[in-house]
Protein backbone atom coordinates (compact mmCIF):
# COMPACT_ATOMS: atom_id res chain seq x y z
CA UNK A 1 0.70 -20.69 -2.92
CA UNK A 2 -1.56 -18.32 -1.75
CA UNK A 3 0.55 -18.24 1.46
CA UNK A 4 3.44 -17.60 -0.61
CA UNK A 5 2.93 -14.97 -2.17
CA UNK A 6 1.35 -13.74 1.08
CA UNK A 7 4.99 -14.13 2.59
CA UNK A 8 6.74 -12.11 -1.06
CA UNK A 9 4.25 -9.56 -0.68
CA UNK A 10 4.16 -8.37 2.37
CA UNK A 11 8.40 -9.28 2.94
CA UNK A 12 9.19 -6.96 -0.17
CA UNK A 13 6.97 -3.98 1.72
CA UNK A 14 8.63 -4.92 5.10
CA UNK A 15 12.02 -4.17 2.46
CA UNK A 16 11.84 -1.21 1.57
CA UNK A 17 10.09 0.46 4.22
CA UNK A 18 13.83 -0.74 6.14
CA UNK A 19 15.33 0.61 3.12
CA UNK A 20 13.64 4.25 3.62
CA UNK A 21 14.69 4.19 6.47
CA UNK A 22 17.99 3.43 6.39
CA UNK A 23 18.15 7.09 4.01
CA UNK A 24 16.09 8.65 6.48
CA UNK A 25 18.67 7.50 9.44
CA UNK A 26 21.14 8.95 6.97
CA UNK A 27 20.22 12.38 6.45
CA UNK A 28 19.54 12.88 10.46
CA UNK A 29 23.32 11.70 10.58
CA UNK A 30 24.82 13.90 7.96
CA UNK A 31 22.10 17.53 8.80
CA UNK A 32 22.66 16.51 12.34
CA UNK A 33 19.02 17.44 12.63
CA UNK A 34 16.26 15.32 14.59
CA UNK A 35 13.87 16.78 13.00
CA UNK A 36 14.05 14.88 9.40
CA UNK A 37 13.40 11.70 11.17
CA UNK A 38 9.64 13.58 10.17
CA UNK A 39 10.86 11.76 6.49
CA UNK A 40 9.93 7.88 7.94
CA UNK A 41 6.61 8.84 8.03
CA UNK A 42 5.72 8.66 3.99
CA UNK A 43 6.38 5.05 5.28
CA UNK A 44 2.83 5.25 6.54
CA UNK A 45 1.50 5.54 2.89
CA UNK A 46 3.17 2.05 2.81
CA UNK A 47 1.26 0.93 5.52
CA UNK A 48 -2.11 2.20 4.40
CA UNK A 49 -1.40 0.95 0.85
CA UNK A 50 -0.15 -2.69 2.35
CA UNK A 51 -3.88 -3.40 4.62
CA UNK A 52 -5.88 -1.81 0.98
CA UNK A 53 -4.12 -4.72 -1.25
CA UNK A 54 -4.88 -7.17 1.35
CA UNK A 55 -8.80 -6.34 1.87
CA UNK A 56 -9.25 -5.86 -0.94
CA UNK A 57 -7.19 -6.75 -4.02
CA UNK A 58 -6.40 -10.65 -1.92
CA UNK A 59 -3.00 -10.67 -2.60
CA UNK A 60 -3.25 -9.68 -6.07
CA UNK A 61 -1.36 -6.87 -8.41
CA UNK A 62 -2.68 -4.43 -10.09
CA UNK A 63 -2.82 -4.05 -13.93
CA UNK A 64 -0.72 -0.70 -15.76
CA UNK A 65 0.33 0.24 -12.19
CA UNK A 66 2.17 -0.78 -9.08
CA UNK A 67 0.98 1.45 -6.21
CA UNK A 68 3.72 -0.35 -4.14
CA UNK A 69 6.54 0.45 -6.01
CA UNK A 70 5.01 4.10 -6.63
CA UNK A 71 4.92 4.66 -2.51
CA UNK A 72 8.45 3.73 -2.36
CA UNK A 73 9.75 5.87 -4.54
CA UNK A 74 8.32 8.60 -2.77
CA UNK A 75 9.03 7.89 0.70
CA UNK A 76 13.36 6.67 -0.12
CA UNK A 77 13.21 9.95 -3.15
CA UNK A 78 13.62 12.87 -0.63
CA UNK A 79 16.57 11.37 1.26
CA UNK A 80 17.92 10.87 -2.01
CA UNK A 81 18.09 14.59 -2.95
CA UNK A 82 18.92 15.44 0.97
CA UNK A 83 22.12 13.67 0.32
CA UNK A 84 22.64 14.57 -3.49
CA UNK A 85 21.93 18.26 -2.17
CA UNK A 86 24.58 18.18 0.89
CA UNK A 87 27.96 20.51 -0.02
CA UNK A 88 30.23 17.50 2.10
CA UNK A 89 28.55 14.22 -0.39
CA UNK A 90 31.83 15.34 -2.98
CA UNK A 91 34.49 14.73 -0.53
CA UNK A 92 35.75 11.85 1.32
CA UNK A 93 39.60 11.50 3.23
CA UNK A 94 41.22 8.68 3.20
CA UNK A 95 40.80 8.76 7.35
CA UNK A 96 37.52 8.21 6.92
CA UNK A 97 38.11 5.05 3.63
CA UNK A 98 41.16 3.44 6.02
CA UNK A 99 37.98 3.47 9.28
CA UNK A 100 35.97 1.44 6.78
CA UNK A 101 38.35 -0.93 5.44
CA UNK A 102 40.31 -1.58 8.64
CA UNK A 103 36.98 -1.90 10.82
CA UNK A 104 38.03 -5.16 12.14
CA UNK A 105 41.10 -3.88 13.47
CA UNK A 106 39.47 -1.72 16.03
CA UNK A 107 40.25 -2.40 20.24
CA UNK A 108 36.55 -2.12 21.12
CA UNK A 109 34.89 -4.35 17.40
CA UNK A 110 37.39 -6.77 19.10
CA UNK A 111 36.09 -6.09 22.59
CA UNK A 112 32.60 -7.28 22.02
CA UNK A 113 33.56 -10.46 20.65
CA UNK A 114 34.69 -11.45 24.55
CA UNK A 115 30.47 -11.03 25.66
CA UNK A 116 28.30 -13.10 25.26
CA UNK A 117 24.08 -13.78 24.60
CA UNK A 118 22.15 -11.34 23.73
CA UNK A 119 24.91 -8.22 25.31
CA UNK A 120 27.21 -9.60 22.58
CA UNK A 121 25.27 -8.69 19.91
CA UNK A 122 24.33 -5.64 21.14
CA UNK A 123 27.49 -4.19 21.43
CA UNK A 124 28.16 -5.92 18.18
CA UNK A 125 25.18 -4.07 16.71
CA UNK A 126 26.46 -0.98 18.31
CA UNK A 127 30.09 -0.93 17.36
CA UNK A 128 29.49 -1.42 13.50
CA UNK A 129 26.44 1.55 13.37
CA UNK A 130 29.41 3.93 14.71
CA UNK A 131 32.23 2.46 12.18
CA UNK A 132 29.35 2.88 9.45
CA UNK A 133 28.81 6.38 10.60
CA UNK A 134 32.59 7.36 9.85
CA UNK A 135 32.14 6.41 6.17
CA UNK A 136 32.48 9.21 4.06
CA UNK A 137 28.59 10.90 2.26
CA UNK A 138 29.92 9.79 -0.96
CA UNK A 139 30.35 6.38 -0.14
CA UNK A 140 26.85 6.50 1.88
CA UNK A 141 25.08 8.53 -1.63
CA UNK A 142 26.28 5.70 -3.75
CA UNK A 143 25.86 2.99 -1.52
CA UNK A 144 22.15 4.13 -1.60
CA UNK A 145 21.32 4.66 -5.01
CA UNK A 146 22.89 1.70 -5.71
CA UNK A 147 20.97 -0.97 -3.49
CA UNK A 148 17.66 1.88 -4.39
CA UNK A 149 17.62 0.91 -8.23
CA UNK A 150 18.31 -2.65 -7.04
CA UNK A 151 15.57 -2.91 -3.84
CA UNK A 152 13.41 -1.32 -7.26
CA UNK A 153 13.77 -4.35 -9.63
CA UNK A 154 13.81 -7.61 -6.99
CA UNK A 155 10.82 -5.79 -5.15
CA UNK A 156 8.66 -6.31 -8.52
CA UNK A 157 10.22 -9.53 -9.40
CA UNK A 158 8.81 -10.55 -5.97
CA UNK A 159 5.20 -8.54 -5.57
CA UNK A 160 2.24 -10.34 -7.18
CA UNK A 161 0.97 -10.14 -10.21
CA UNK A 162 -0.80 -7.45 -11.51
CA UNK A 163 -4.54 -8.55 -13.64
CA UNK A 164 -3.50 -8.34 -17.53
CA UNK A 165 0.80 -9.29 -17.13
CA UNK A 166 2.09 -13.08 -17.00
CA UNK A 167 4.93 -14.19 -16.09
CA UNK A 168 6.49 -14.22 -19.82
CA UNK A 169 6.09 -10.32 -19.63
CA UNK A 170 7.32 -9.82 -16.31
CA UNK A 171 10.10 -11.30 -17.19
CA UNK A 172 10.58 -8.80 -19.87
CA UNK A 173 9.79 -6.39 -17.72
CA UNK A 174 12.47 -7.00 -15.23
CA UNK A 175 15.10 -7.53 -17.91
CA UNK A 176 14.01 -3.62 -19.35
CA UNK A 177 14.40 -2.13 -16.32
CA UNK A 178 18.12 -4.10 -15.67
CA UNK A 179 19.54 -2.08 -18.81
CA UNK A 180 16.92 0.94 -17.19
CA UNK A 181 18.89 0.75 -13.94
CA UNK A 182 21.90 0.65 -14.96
CA UNK A 183 21.86 3.68 -17.19
CA UNK A 184 20.09 5.93 -14.65
CA UNK A 185 23.00 5.03 -12.11
CA UNK A 186 25.24 6.31 -14.78
CA UNK A 187 23.73 9.80 -15.15
CA UNK A 188 23.47 10.20 -11.68
CA UNK A 189 27.07 8.72 -10.76
CA UNK A 190 29.11 10.76 -13.30
CA UNK A 191 26.98 13.99 -13.99
CA UNK A 192 27.33 14.79 -10.48
CA UNK A 193 31.05 13.78 -9.61
CA UNK A 194 31.76 16.48 -11.65
CA UNK A 195 33.63 19.93 -9.47
CA UNK A 196 31.26 21.94 -12.49
CA UNK A 197 28.29 20.90 -11.82
CA UNK A 198 28.40 20.88 -7.75
CA UNK A 199 29.75 24.37 -8.07
CA UNK A 200 26.07 25.11 -10.15
CA UNK A 201 23.02 24.28 -7.49
CA UNK A 202 20.25 25.19 -10.19
CA UNK A 203 22.74 22.39 -12.87
CA UNK A 204 22.27 20.13 -9.41
CA UNK A 205 18.62 20.76 -8.97
CA UNK A 206 18.33 20.65 -12.80
CA UNK A 207 20.08 17.14 -13.13
CA UNK A 208 18.02 15.73 -9.36
CA UNK A 209 14.59 16.29 -11.32
CA UNK A 210 15.58 14.54 -14.54
CA UNK A 211 16.62 11.79 -12.47
CA UNK A 212 13.05 12.17 -10.50
CA UNK A 213 11.30 11.82 -13.69
CA UNK A 214 13.35 8.37 -14.97
CA UNK A 215 12.01 6.58 -12.02
CA UNK A 216 8.34 7.44 -12.54
CA UNK A 217 8.80 4.36 -15.30
CA UNK A 218 9.48 2.01 -12.68
CA UNK A 219 5.97 1.92 -11.20
CA UNK A 220 4.18 1.03 -14.87
CA UNK A 221 3.37 -2.23 -16.77
CA UNK A 222 2.55 -0.68 -20.21
CA UNK A 223 5.65 -1.26 -21.83
CA UNK A 224 4.91 -5.11 -21.74
CA UNK A 225 1.39 -4.95 -21.60
CA UNK A 226 -1.45 -5.41 -24.85
CA UNK A 227 -4.51 -4.45 -25.70
CA UNK A 228 -6.57 -6.48 -27.15
CA UNK A 229 -7.56 -5.52 -30.86
CA UNK A 230 -11.11 -5.65 -31.15
CA UNK A 231 -12.52 -6.69 -34.29
CA UNK A 232 -13.88 -3.20 -35.29
CA UNK A 233 -10.37 -2.13 -34.69
CA UNK A 234 -10.21 -1.54 -38.83
CA UNK A 235 -13.05 0.31 -39.37
CA UNK A 236 -11.42 3.32 -37.00
CA UNK A 237 -9.01 3.99 -39.60
CA UNK A 238 -4.96 4.32 -39.32
CA UNK A 239 -4.83 5.25 -35.68
CA UNK A 240 -7.08 3.56 -34.34
CA UNK A 241 -6.13 0.60 -35.36
CA UNK A 242 -1.91 1.85 -35.05
CA UNK A 243 -2.46 2.29 -31.25
CA UNK A 244 -4.70 -0.58 -31.02
CA UNK A 245 -1.94 -3.38 -32.64
CA UNK A 246 1.13 -2.18 -31.13
CA UNK A 247 0.14 -0.30 -27.90
CA UNK A 248 3.24 -1.72 -25.76
CA UNK A 249 5.62 -1.09 -28.27
CA UNK A 250 4.30 2.76 -28.19
CA UNK A 251 4.14 3.28 -24.41
CA UNK A 252 7.74 1.50 -25.10
CA UNK A 253 9.01 3.92 -27.73
CA UNK A 254 7.21 6.82 -25.47
CA UNK A 255 8.89 5.74 -22.06
CA UNK A 256 12.87 5.75 -23.15
CA UNK A 257 12.25 9.10 -25.61
CA UNK A 258 10.35 11.11 -22.86
CA UNK A 259 11.17 9.74 -19.91
CA UNK A 260 14.90 8.41 -19.49
CA UNK A 261 17.40 8.47 -22.90
CA UNK A 262 15.53 11.77 -23.95
CA UNK A 263 16.03 13.51 -21.10
CA UNK A 264 19.40 11.79 -20.51
CA UNK A 265 20.76 13.58 -23.86
CA UNK A 266 19.70 16.74 -23.19
CA UNK A 267 21.34 17.17 -19.94
CA UNK A 268 24.56 15.90 -20.86
CA UNK A 269 24.47 17.90 -24.49
CA UNK A 270 24.05 20.93 -22.64
CA UNK A 271 27.04 20.09 -20.09
CA UNK A 272 29.02 19.49 -22.91
CA UNK A 273 28.43 23.19 -25.17
CA UNK A 274 27.25 25.06 -22.13
CA UNK A 275 29.07 24.17 -19.03
CA UNK A 276 32.53 22.87 -21.08
CA UNK A 277 32.07 19.46 -19.50
CA UNK A 278 33.58 17.12 -21.31
CA UNK A 279 34.58 13.68 -20.70
CA UNK A 280 35.28 10.04 -21.97
CA UNK A 281 32.33 8.38 -20.95
CA UNK A 282 29.85 11.47 -21.58
CA UNK A 283 30.34 11.57 -24.63
CA UNK A 284 30.23 7.36 -24.65
CA UNK A 285 26.80 7.67 -23.43
CA UNK A 286 26.01 11.16 -24.53
CA UNK A 287 26.37 8.71 -28.28
CA UNK A 288 24.54 6.02 -26.98
CA UNK A 289 21.04 8.11 -26.16
CA UNK A 290 20.88 9.54 -29.48
CA UNK A 291 21.52 6.52 -30.88
CA UNK A 292 18.90 5.03 -28.48
CA UNK A 293 16.32 8.19 -29.82
CA UNK A 294 17.19 7.62 -33.50
CA UNK A 295 16.17 4.00 -33.13
CA UNK A 296 13.10 4.49 -31.16
CA UNK A 297 11.99 7.08 -34.30
CA UNK A 298 12.90 4.46 -36.80
CA UNK A 299 10.68 1.60 -35.13
CA UNK A 300 7.92 4.37 -34.71
CA UNK A 301 7.99 4.98 -38.57
CA UNK A 302 8.11 1.04 -39.47
CA UNK A 303 5.29 0.52 -37.46
CA UNK A 304 3.09 2.94 -38.94
CA UNK A 305 4.15 2.13 -42.17
CA UNK A 306 3.56 -1.61 -42.13
CA UNK A 307 -0.30 -0.19 -40.58
CA UNK A 308 -1.26 1.72 -42.90
CA UNK A 309 0.29 -1.08 -45.57
CA UNK A 310 -1.92 -3.58 -44.08
CA UNK A 311 -4.80 -0.67 -44.49
CA UNK A 312 -3.82 -0.54 -48.26
CA UNK A 313 -4.70 -4.31 -48.54
CA UNK A 314 -7.52 -4.57 -46.73
CA UNK A 315 -8.74 -2.10 -48.95
CA UNK A 316 -7.38 -2.65 -52.48
CA UNK A 317 -8.79 -6.59 -51.99
CA UNK A 318 -12.11 -4.84 -50.20
CA UNK A 319 -12.39 -3.25 -53.59
CA UNK A 320 -11.60 -6.17 -55.57
CA UNK A 321 -14.12 -8.28 -53.72
CA UNK A 322 -16.63 -5.94 -54.20
CA UNK A 323 -15.72 -6.06 -57.98
CA UNK A 324 -16.18 -8.88 -58.15
CA UNK A 325 -19.86 -9.86 -56.86
CA UNK A 326 -20.83 -6.97 -59.41
CA UNK A 327 -19.55 -8.54 -62.42
CA UNK A 328 -21.86 -11.47 -63.49
CA UNK A 329 -20.37 -15.38 -63.80
CA UNK A 330 -19.90 -17.22 -66.44
CA UNK A 331 -22.84 -17.73 -68.56
CA UNK A 332 -24.68 -15.62 -66.59
CA UNK A 333 -25.90 -12.09 -68.17
CA UNK A 334 -26.44 -9.13 -66.97
CA UNK A 335 -29.89 -6.99 -66.77
CA UNK A 336 -28.35 -4.49 -69.52
CA UNK A 337 -27.44 -7.56 -71.54
CA UNK A 338 -30.31 -9.75 -71.19
CA UNK A 339 -33.03 -6.51 -72.47
CA UNK A 340 -30.70 -5.76 -75.38
CA UNK A 341 -29.89 -9.28 -76.79
CA UNK A 342 -34.19 -9.53 -76.13
CA UNK A 343 -34.54 -6.42 -77.65
CA UNK A 344 -32.72 -6.99 -80.73
CA UNK A 345 -33.48 -10.79 -80.41
CA UNK A 346 -37.59 -10.23 -81.60
CA UNK A 347 -38.82 -8.14 -84.03
CA UNK A 348 -41.31 -5.78 -84.26
CA UNK A 349 -44.47 -7.17 -86.62
CA UNK A 350 -45.62 -4.97 -89.67
CA UNK A 351 -48.93 -4.17 -88.60
CA UNK A 352 -51.20 -4.45 -91.98
CA UNK A 353 -52.11 -0.07 -93.29
CA UNK A 354 -55.83 0.75 -94.72
CA UNK A 355 -56.37 3.20 -97.27
CA UNK A 356 -56.28 6.06 -95.06
CA UNK A 357 -53.84 5.72 -93.13
CA UNK A 358 -54.85 4.09 -90.21
CA UNK A 359 -53.57 0.74 -88.34
CA UNK A 360 -55.15 -2.96 -88.11
CA UNK A 361 -54.56 -4.33 -84.83
CA UNK A 362 -53.13 -7.89 -85.79
């Protein structure tokens, strides 16, 4: 079992490095400058993290946070930024698409089939790389976005589970990531394809910043990890009990409102109102983001009312218990009743009085 965990950990990191290198290669092909290969140095951080994890964590994952996913984001996001900012990304010629779909009909590709052994594999790889280079930049960039999100989900699945998270919670997290990835992909492909957006570099930068900000939720496991509530949680009042009982729900609501659906809604509303970019899909996803934000706030109010009601019931139960303790049991008298009854039950005896008004003792 430990061997399988080690293999999954190393294989996942290797896939991350290879995908990052593909992104760097595309940047150098687009920019026509070899200096962009320096972006590959970000992968050294991933190698360092792998060595430290194998030495100190002993093939175990981290709690609350995945540094592997975070370092993979650091290595691939700059390449995607450069590809999106390239002015030719939005154009695709029919000639390039025809070359992409007719790779098998190329004479040089057929000629490689007549070779044998290692030469055959090398020539085939060269022809494949040359033909892939002819694919238009828009298709390449979209493909990198799609494979990037798939790598995040598959990689999080294969990486060792950290402390404090069960397999059931991991499955919930992966299902959340699938829905999140679909929304993020739609956000970038829908907004950056608009001509009005491409004509405004500042708007493109803003969209890419929001997109990068939304990626920060993938290294986090907080949305499915519940904090063990101590027995003194209720004594800390509403705030302590609220954050203790619903920590995972609060993280889920916060991620949705402040990292994904909230920022996406703001960007889409700005596009529709200020830049007059209106289409059917943009309106639909803006309505979807609005409903998600409203429902998350509604859920927050429901959780708060539930905790407040629980505190009120506990307070009333404590008062009733104190009242029962203060009342005497049936057949018993309180101290005040006993004193009153004793005073009334024992009359004072009259003392003899002398002629001069002095009292004689009994």
